């Protein structure tokens, strides 16, 4: 009986270790996904801000040219 009990205990410990490894891998994967998503979001934000600045600059130039034409 002692041998069977030790075998059960070993199996239980192995299962717990396997579950712990799986949980650790899952947490690492989730962290990587978050990092990737953050990087993608930051890049998209930079691109959108650059486009917004370009539009604003173009709008300002257009208004300036119209004003100059009206003054002539």
N, C-alpha and C. Protein backbone atom coordinates (compact mmCIF):
# COMPACT_ATOMS: atom_id res chain seq x y z
N UNK A 1 0.81 -1.19 0.00
CA UNK A 1 0.00 0.00 0.00
C UNK A 1 0.86 1.26 0.00
N UNK A 2 1.94 1.24 0.69
CA UNK A 2 2.80 2.41 0.74
C UNK A 2 3.34 2.75 -0.65
N UNK A 3 3.62 1.72 -1.44
CA UNK A 3 4.13 1.93 -2.79
C UNK A 3 3.05 2.56 -3.68
N UNK A 4 1.82 2.08 -3.55
CA UNK A 4 0.72 2.66 -4.31
C UNK A 4 0.48 4.11 -3.91
N UNK A 5 0.57 4.38 -2.65
CA UNK A 5 0.36 5.74 -2.15
C UNK A 5 1.44 6.67 -2.70
N UNK A 6 2.70 6.20 -2.70
CA UNK A 6 3.80 7.00 -3.24
C UNK A 6 3.60 7.24 -4.73
N UNK A 7 3.14 6.22 -5.44
CA UNK A 7 2.90 6.35 -6.88
C UNK A 7 1.81 7.38 -7.14
N UNK A 8 0.74 7.35 -6.35
CA UNK A 8 -0.33 8.34 -6.48
C UNK A 8 0.19 9.74 -6.19
N UNK A 9 0.98 9.83 -5.15
CA UNK A 9 1.54 11.13 -4.77
C UNK A 9 2.45 11.67 -5.88
N UNK A 10 3.27 10.81 -6.44
CA UNK A 10 4.15 11.21 -7.55
C UNK A 10 3.34 11.67 -8.76
N UNK A 11 2.28 10.93 -9.09
CA UNK A 11 1.43 11.31 -10.20
C UNK A 11 0.76 12.67 -9.95
N UNK A 12 0.31 12.85 -8.73
CA UNK A 12 -0.32 14.12 -8.36
C UNK A 12 0.67 15.27 -8.50
N UNK A 13 1.88 15.06 -8.02
CA UNK A 13 2.91 16.10 -8.14
C UNK A 13 3.25 16.38 -9.60
N UNK A 14 3.34 15.33 -10.40
CA UNK A 14 3.64 15.51 -11.82
C UNK A 14 2.53 16.30 -12.52
N UNK A 15 1.28 15.98 -12.19
CA UNK A 15 0.16 16.72 -12.77
C UNK A 15 0.20 18.19 -12.36
N UNK A 16 0.49 18.44 -11.09
CA UNK A 16 0.56 19.81 -10.61
C UNK A 16 1.68 20.58 -11.31
N UNK A 17 2.82 19.93 -11.47
CA UNK A 17 3.94 20.57 -12.16
C UNK A 17 3.58 20.86 -13.61
N UNK A 18 2.92 19.91 -14.27
CA UNK A 18 2.50 20.10 -15.66
C UNK A 18 1.50 21.25 -15.77
N UNK A 19 0.57 21.30 -14.85
CA UNK A 19 -0.41 22.39 -14.84
C UNK A 19 0.28 23.74 -14.62
N UNK A 20 1.25 23.73 -13.72
CA UNK A 20 1.99 24.96 -13.45
C UNK A 20 2.76 25.41 -14.70
N UNK A 21 3.40 24.46 -15.40
CA UNK A 21 4.12 24.79 -16.63
C UNK A 21 3.17 25.34 -17.70
N UNK A 22 2.03 24.68 -17.82
CA UNK A 22 1.05 25.15 -18.81
C UNK A 22 0.55 26.55 -18.47
N UNK A 23 0.29 26.79 -17.20
CA UNK A 23 -0.17 28.11 -16.77
C UNK A 23 0.91 29.17 -17.03
N UNK A 24 2.15 28.84 -16.75
CA UNK A 24 3.26 29.76 -17.00
C UNK A 24 3.38 30.08 -18.49
N UNK A 25 3.27 29.05 -19.32
CA UNK A 25 3.35 29.25 -20.77
C UNK A 25 2.20 30.13 -21.26
N UNK A 26 1.01 29.89 -20.73
CA UNK A 26 -0.15 30.69 -21.11
C UNK A 26 0.05 32.15 -20.71
N UNK A 27 0.53 32.37 -19.50
CA UNK A 27 0.76 33.74 -19.04
C UNK A 27 1.81 34.45 -19.89
N UNK A 28 2.88 33.74 -20.23
CA UNK A 28 3.91 34.33 -21.10
C UNK A 28 3.35 34.67 -22.47
N UNK A 29 2.56 33.75 -23.01
CA UNK A 29 1.95 33.99 -24.33
C UNK A 29 1.03 35.20 -24.29
N UNK A 30 0.23 35.29 -23.24
CA UNK A 30 -0.67 36.43 -23.11
C UNK A 30 0.12 37.73 -23.00
N UNK A 31 1.20 37.71 -22.25
CA UNK A 31 2.03 38.91 -22.11
C UNK A 31 2.64 39.30 -23.45
N UNK A 32 3.07 38.33 -24.24
CA UNK A 32 3.63 38.62 -25.55
C UNK A 32 2.58 39.22 -26.47
N UNK A 33 1.37 38.68 -26.41
CA UNK A 33 0.29 39.22 -27.24
C UNK A 33 0.00 40.66 -26.86
N UNK A 34 -0.03 40.94 -25.57
CA UNK A 34 -0.27 42.30 -25.11
C UNK A 34 0.84 43.22 -25.61
N UNK A 35 2.09 42.77 -25.52
CA UNK A 35 3.21 43.59 -25.99
C UNK A 35 3.10 43.86 -27.48
N UNK A 36 2.75 42.83 -28.24
CA UNK A 36 2.62 42.98 -29.69
C UNK A 36 1.49 43.95 -30.00
N UNK A 37 0.35 43.76 -29.33
CA UNK A 37 -0.79 44.65 -29.56
C UNK A 37 -0.44 46.08 -29.19
N UNK A 38 0.27 46.27 -28.08
CA UNK A 38 0.67 47.62 -27.68
C UNK A 38 1.57 48.25 -28.74
N UNK A 39 2.50 47.48 -29.26
CA UNK A 39 3.41 48.00 -30.28
C UNK A 39 2.63 48.37 -31.55
N UNK A 40 1.68 47.52 -31.94
CA UNK A 40 0.87 47.80 -33.12
C UNK A 40 0.02 49.05 -32.91
N UNK A 41 -0.57 49.16 -31.74
CA UNK A 41 -1.41 50.32 -31.44
C UNK A 41 -0.57 51.59 -31.44
N UNK A 42 0.61 51.53 -30.86
CA UNK A 42 1.48 52.70 -30.85
C UNK A 42 1.87 53.11 -32.27
N UNK A 43 2.17 52.14 -33.11
CA UNK A 43 2.54 52.44 -34.50
C UNK A 43 1.36 53.06 -35.24
N UNK A 44 0.18 52.49 -35.07
CA UNK A 44 -1.01 53.05 -35.71
C UNK A 44 -1.27 54.48 -35.23
N UNK A 45 -1.08 54.70 -33.95
CA UNK A 45 -1.28 56.04 -33.39
C UNK A 45 -0.31 57.03 -33.99
N UNK A 46 0.95 56.64 -34.10
CA UNK A 46 1.95 57.53 -34.72
C UNK A 46 1.57 57.86 -36.15
N UNK A 47 1.15 56.84 -36.91
CA UNK A 47 0.76 57.06 -38.30
C UNK A 47 -0.43 57.99 -38.40
N UNK A 48 -1.44 57.77 -37.56
CA UNK A 48 -2.63 58.63 -37.59
C UNK A 48 -2.30 60.06 -37.20
N UNK A 49 -1.44 60.24 -36.21
CA UNK A 49 -1.04 61.59 -35.82
C UNK A 49 -0.28 62.29 -36.95
N UNK A 50 0.58 61.55 -37.63
CA UNK A 50 1.32 62.13 -38.75
C UNK A 50 0.36 62.56 -39.86
N UNK A 51 -0.61 61.71 -40.18
CA UNK A 51 -1.60 62.06 -41.20
C UNK A 51 -2.42 63.27 -40.77
N UNK A 52 -2.78 63.30 -39.50
CA UNK A 52 -3.56 64.43 -38.99
C UNK A 52 -2.76 65.73 -39.10
N UNK A 53 -1.48 65.68 -38.76
CA UNK A 53 -0.63 66.87 -38.88
C UNK A 53 -0.52 67.32 -40.33
N UNK A 54 -0.37 66.36 -41.25
CA UNK A 54 -0.28 66.69 -42.67
C UNK A 54 -1.55 67.37 -43.15
N UNK A 55 -2.70 66.84 -42.76
CA UNK A 55 -3.98 67.44 -43.16
C UNK A 55 -4.10 68.85 -42.60
N UNK A 56 -3.74 69.01 -41.35
CA UNK A 56 -3.81 70.34 -40.72
C UNK A 56 -2.88 71.32 -41.43
N UNK A 57 -1.70 70.87 -41.77
CA UNK A 57 -0.73 71.71 -42.48
C UNK A 57 -1.29 72.10 -43.86
N UNK A 58 -1.85 71.12 -44.55
CA UNK A 58 -2.43 71.38 -45.87
C UNK A 58 -3.60 72.37 -45.75
N UNK A 59 -4.43 72.20 -44.75
CA UNK A 59 -5.56 73.10 -44.52
C UNK A 59 -5.07 74.52 -44.25
N UNK A 60 -4.03 74.63 -43.44
CA UNK A 60 -3.48 75.94 -43.11
C UNK A 60 -2.93 76.61 -44.38
N UNK A 61 -2.20 75.84 -45.18
CA UNK A 61 -1.67 76.40 -46.42
C UNK A 61 -2.79 76.83 -47.36
N UNK A 62 -3.83 76.03 -47.47
CA UNK A 62 -4.96 76.36 -48.33
C UNK A 62 -5.62 77.66 -47.87
N UNK A 63 -5.82 77.79 -46.58
CA UNK A 63 -6.43 79.02 -46.05
C UNK A 63 -5.54 80.22 -46.31
N UNK A 64 -4.25 80.04 -46.17
CA UNK A 64 -3.31 81.12 -46.41
C UNK A 64 -3.36 81.56 -47.87
N UNK A 65 -3.37 80.60 -48.79
CA UNK A 65 -3.41 80.91 -50.23
C UNK A 65 -4.72 81.61 -50.58
N UNK A 66 -5.83 81.16 -50.01
CA UNK A 66 -7.12 81.81 -50.28
C UNK A 66 -7.10 83.25 -49.80
N UNK A 67 -6.55 83.44 -48.62
CA UNK A 67 -6.49 84.79 -48.08
C UNK A 67 -5.63 85.69 -48.95
N UNK A 68 -4.52 85.16 -49.42
CA UNK A 68 -3.65 85.94 -50.29
C UNK A 68 -4.36 86.27 -51.60
N UNK A 69 -5.12 85.33 -52.15
CA UNK A 69 -5.83 85.56 -53.40
C UNK A 69 -6.93 86.60 -53.23
N UNK A 70 -7.60 86.55 -52.08
CA UNK A 70 -8.66 87.52 -51.82
C UNK A 70 -8.10 88.93 -51.67
N UNK A 71 -6.89 89.04 -51.14
CA UNK A 71 -6.28 90.35 -50.93
C UNK A 71 -5.83 90.98 -52.26
N UNK A 72 -5.58 90.18 -53.25
CA UNK A 72 -5.09 90.69 -54.54
C UNK A 72 -6.15 91.35 -55.31
